[in-house]
C-alpha atoms as a PDB file:
ATOM      1  CA  UNK A   1     157.840  68.789 119.394  1.00  0.00           C
ATOM      2  CA  UNK A   2     156.096  65.423 118.765  1.00  0.00           C
ATOM      3  CA  UNK A   3     153.433  63.520 120.820  1.00  0.00           C
ATOM      4  CA  UNK A   4     151.632  60.206 120.205  1.00  0.00           C
ATOM      5  CA  UNK A   5     148.222  60.482 118.707  1.00  0.00           C
ATOM      6  CA  UNK A   6     146.115  57.468 119.935  1.00  0.00           C
ATOM      7  CA  UNK A   7     143.511  58.046 117.146  1.00  0.00           C
ATOM      8  CA  UNK A   8     146.146  58.054 114.365  1.00  0.00           C
ATOM      9  CA  UNK A   9     148.318  55.464 116.287  1.00  0.00           C
ATOM     10  CA  UNK A  10     151.556  57.442 115.238  1.00  0.00           C
ATOM     11  CA  UNK A  11     153.783  60.204 116.446  1.00  0.00           C
ATOM     12  CA  UNK A  12     152.798  63.593 115.022  1.00  0.00           C
ATOM     13  CA  UNK A  13     154.068  67.051 115.361  1.00  0.00           C
ATOM     14  CA  UNK A  14     152.069  69.142 117.933  1.00  0.00           C
ATOM     15  CA  UNK A  15     149.846  71.919 116.296  1.00  0.00           C
ATOM     16  CA  UNK A  16     149.091  74.954 118.519  1.00  0.00           C
ATOM     17  CA  UNK A  17     151.342  73.769 121.425  1.00  0.00           C
ATOM     18  CA  UNK A  18     150.812  75.251 124.972  1.00  0.00           C
ATOM     19  CA  UNK A  19     152.984  74.830 127.878  1.00  0.00           C
ATOM     20  CA  UNK A  20     151.151  73.594 131.102  1.00  0.00           C
ATOM     21  CA  UNK A  21     152.084  72.635 134.521  1.00  0.00           C
ATOM     22  CA  UNK A  22     150.585  69.645 136.005  1.00  0.00           C
ATOM     23  CA  UNK A  23     149.209  69.353 139.619  1.00  0.00           C
ATOM     24  CA  UNK A  24     152.533  67.856 140.862  1.00  0.00           C
ATOM     25  CA  UNK A  25     154.678  70.642 139.326  1.00  0.00           C
ATOM     26  CA  UNK A  26     155.885  68.815 136.326  1.00  0.00           C
ATOM     27  CA  UNK A  27     155.926  70.534 132.866  1.00  0.00           C
ATOM     28  CA  UNK A  28     153.899  69.278 129.978  1.00  0.00           C
ATOM     29  CA  UNK A  29     152.876  70.350 126.483  1.00  0.00           C
ATOM     30  CA  UNK A  30     149.230  70.192 125.171  1.00  0.00           C
ATOM     31  CA  UNK A  31     148.057  70.622 121.658  1.00  0.00           C
ATOM     32  CA  UNK A  32     146.274  69.229 118.716  1.00  0.00           C
ATOM     33  CA  UNK A  33     147.016  66.507 116.074  1.00  0.00           C
ATOM     34  CA  UNK A  34     147.297  68.163 112.657  1.00  0.00           C
ATOM     35  CA  UNK A  35     145.941  65.100 110.941  1.00  0.00           C
ATOM     36  CA  UNK A  36     142.710  64.260 112.866  1.00  0.00           C
ATOM     37  CA  UNK A  37     142.189  67.237 115.267  1.00  0.00           C
ATOM     38  CA  UNK A  38     142.455  65.064 118.331  1.00  0.00           C
ATOM     39  CA  UNK A  39     143.947  66.493 121.522  1.00  0.00           C
ATOM     40  CA  UNK A  40     147.486  65.220 122.188  1.00  0.00           C
ATOM     41  CA  UNK A  41     149.479  65.644 125.276  1.00  0.00           C
ATOM     42  CA  UNK A  42     153.303  65.106 126.167  1.00  0.00           C
ATOM     43  CA  UNK A  43     154.629  65.132 129.608  1.00  0.00           C
ATOM     44  CA  UNK A  44     158.221  66.446 130.221  1.00  0.00           C
ATOM     45  CA  UNK A  45     160.395  69.336 129.269  1.00  0.00           C
ATOM     46  CA  UNK A  46     159.280  71.308 126.268  1.00  0.00           C
END
């Protein structure tokens, strides 16, 4: 799964993805950028 890294300014493959649920019940995926180590986040089905 890919997410946008704001530090690299490009779409990257999520490293160490974790499925999370937001307060409103929507699913999301959280992980780390493999290039720079910044946290990346993607809302939606995983």
